[in-house]
Amino acid sequence: MIALDTNVLARAIANEIDADAATKAQRKRAQTLLASGQQLFVPITVIEELEWVLRGAYGMPPADIAAVFEDMIAVENLIIDRAAAVSQALAGYRRGLDFSDALHLAQSGLCTGLASFDTRFVKTARKLGLEPEVSAPN
């Protein structure tokens, strides 16, 4: 099994219109690897970083990123680390949470709460009725 780095997935996903020859070659190699049928592992840290790269560097809207991640989860030869948590995070992401915050919350399911000073996160999670409860430390 081969683990994938964020840059391999980003190259395969993002269609850079003005890409140079080296970038186009990397895109082709990345897509070939993904289509190879080999078992490929995507660490949870890569999922989190990939969202940031697709949104920040490529300007991809959250709904498109969520669709890409849902497609990745469905690919048989891609083993997504903590896929259930990623799926749960995508539900929160689609409802307005920041993806990293949604992922933190999804991985905190056995806890009684999640402490955060991020007021937007606290307010959005409360508004959506998500659990565990997100609140600022006293």
Protein backbone atom coordinates (compact mmCIF):
# COMPACT_ATOMS: atom_id res chain seq x y z
CA MET A 1 0.00 0.00 0.00
CA ILE A 2 1.22 3.49 -0.86
CA ALA A 3 0.38 6.55 1.24
CA LEU A 4 -0.37 9.72 -0.68
CA ASP A 5 0.86 13.21 0.10
CA THR A 6 -1.37 16.24 -0.33
CA ASN A 7 0.51 17.47 -3.39
CA VAL A 8 -0.19 14.26 -5.32
CA LEU A 9 -3.93 14.54 -4.69
CA ALA A 10 -3.96 18.28 -5.38
CA ARG A 11 -2.21 17.72 -8.72
CA ALA A 12 -4.70 15.02 -9.67
CA ILE A 13 -7.74 17.10 -8.70
CA ALA A 14 -6.92 20.70 -9.61
CA ASN A 15 -6.99 21.56 -13.29
CA GLU A 16 -4.48 24.37 -13.59
CA ILE A 17 -5.24 26.16 -16.85
CA ASP A 18 -1.86 27.90 -17.16
CA ALA A 19 0.20 25.00 -15.83
CA ASP A 20 3.74 24.57 -17.07
CA ALA A 21 4.98 21.32 -18.60
CA ALA A 22 6.34 19.98 -15.30
CA THR A 23 3.00 20.56 -13.54
CA LYS A 24 1.10 18.92 -16.40
CA ALA A 25 3.43 15.93 -16.22
CA GLN A 26 2.88 15.67 -12.45
CA ARG A 27 -0.90 15.82 -12.98
CA LYS A 28 -0.72 12.95 -15.46
CA ARG A 29 1.50 10.86 -13.14
CA ALA A 30 -0.80 11.54 -10.16
CA GLN A 31 -3.90 10.57 -12.13
CA THR A 32 -2.18 7.44 -13.43
CA LEU A 33 -1.30 6.39 -9.89
CA LEU A 34 -4.86 6.98 -8.69
CA ALA A 35 -6.28 4.97 -11.60
CA SER A 36 -3.76 2.14 -11.18
CA GLY A 37 -5.95 0.03 -8.91
CA GLN A 38 -3.19 -0.12 -6.28
CA GLN A 39 -4.25 0.22 -2.67
CA LEU A 40 -3.60 3.85 -1.74
CA PHE A 41 -3.80 5.32 1.75
CA VAL A 42 -4.83 8.92 2.47
CA PRO A 43 -3.89 10.03 6.02
CA ILE A 44 -6.35 12.22 7.91
CA THR A 45 -3.73 14.98 7.98
CA VAL A 46 -3.62 14.90 4.17
CA ILE A 47 -7.42 15.23 4.01
CA GLU A 48 -7.29 18.30 6.25
CA GLU A 49 -4.43 19.88 4.33
CA LEU A 50 -6.04 19.06 0.97
CA GLU A 51 -9.18 21.00 1.90
CA TRP A 52 -7.03 24.00 2.79
CA VAL A 53 -5.05 23.75 -0.48
CA LEU A 54 -8.12 23.31 -2.70
CA ARG A 55 -9.93 26.20 -1.01
CA GLY A 56 -6.98 28.54 -0.44
CA ALA A 57 -4.65 27.94 -3.36
CA TYR A 58 -7.16 26.91 -6.02
CA GLY A 59 -10.24 28.86 -4.89
CA MET A 60 -12.48 25.80 -5.00
CA PRO A 61 -15.85 26.36 -3.31
CA PRO A 62 -16.68 24.26 -0.22
CA ALA A 63 -19.52 22.39 -1.97
CA ASP A 64 -17.11 21.26 -4.71
CA ILE A 65 -14.50 20.23 -2.15
CA ALA A 66 -17.10 18.24 -0.22
CA ALA A 67 -18.12 16.50 -3.47
CA VAL A 68 -14.47 15.64 -4.22
CA PHE A 69 -14.01 14.16 -0.74
CA GLU A 70 -17.24 12.17 -1.02
CA ASP A 71 -16.05 10.82 -4.36
CA MET A 72 -12.68 9.90 -2.81
CA ILE A 73 -14.40 7.99 0.01
CA ALA A 74 -16.32 5.97 -2.61
CA VAL A 75 -13.21 4.92 -4.57
CA GLU A 76 -12.46 1.28 -3.71
CA ASN A 77 -8.67 1.45 -3.88
CA LEU A 78 -8.46 4.63 -1.76
CA ILE A 79 -8.27 3.93 1.95
CA ILE A 80 -9.28 7.15 3.68
CA ASP A 81 -7.97 7.34 7.23
CA ARG A 82 -10.91 7.74 9.63
CA ALA A 83 -13.39 7.76 6.74
CA ALA A 84 -16.42 7.82 9.08
CA ALA A 85 -15.09 10.94 10.80
CA VAL A 86 -14.38 12.55 7.41
CA SER A 87 -17.95 11.78 6.29
CA GLN A 88 -19.34 13.26 9.50
CA ALA A 89 -17.11 16.32 9.08
CA LEU A 90 -18.37 16.78 5.53
CA ALA A 91 -21.93 16.97 6.83
CA GLY A 92 -20.93 19.81 9.18
CA TYR A 93 -18.85 21.45 6.45
CA ARG A 94 -21.84 21.45 4.09
CA ARG A 95 -23.86 23.14 6.86
CA GLY A 96 -21.38 26.00 7.32
CA LEU A 97 -18.61 24.81 9.63
CA ASP A 98 -14.99 25.29 8.71
CA PHE A 99 -13.72 21.89 7.56
CA SER A 100 -10.98 21.67 10.20
CA ASP A 101 -13.46 22.56 12.94
CA ALA A 102 -15.93 19.99 11.58
CA LEU A 103 -13.18 17.37 11.55
CA HIS A 104 -12.13 18.21 15.13
CA LEU A 105 -15.74 17.85 16.22
CA ALA A 106 -16.23 14.60 14.31
CA GLN A 107 -13.24 13.09 16.09
CA SER A 108 -14.47 14.23 19.52
CA GLY A 109 -17.57 12.05 19.60
CA LEU A 110 -16.60 10.19 22.76
CA CYS A 111 -16.07 13.46 24.64
CA THR A 112 -18.64 15.43 26.60
CA GLY A 113 -17.63 18.69 24.94
CA LEU A 114 -15.09 20.49 22.81
CA ALA A 115 -13.40 23.62 24.17
CA SER A 116 -12.60 26.38 21.70
CA PHE A 117 -11.97 30.14 21.74
CA ASP A 118 -13.14 30.29 18.11
CA THR A 119 -16.40 32.20 18.58
CA ARG A 120 -17.60 31.50 15.03
CA PHE A 121 -17.11 27.77 15.59
CA VAL A 122 -18.91 27.89 18.95
CA LYS A 123 -21.87 29.87 17.55
CA THR A 124 -22.23 27.79 14.37
CA ALA A 125 -21.99 24.45 16.19
CA ARG A 126 -24.60 25.58 18.72
CA LYS A 127 -26.90 26.92 15.99
CA LEU A 128 -26.67 23.57 14.18
CA GLY A 129 -27.19 21.60 17.40
CA LEU A 130 -24.02 19.59 16.87
CA GLU A 131 -22.54 17.31 19.48
CA PRO A 132 -20.48 17.18 21.47
CA GLU A 133 -21.26 20.72 22.58
CA VAL A 134 -18.67 23.30 21.54
CA SER A 135 -18.04 26.04 24.10
CA ALA A 136 -15.37 28.45 25.26
CA PRO A 137 -13.49 27.43 28.40
CA ASN A 138 -14.65 29.23 31.55
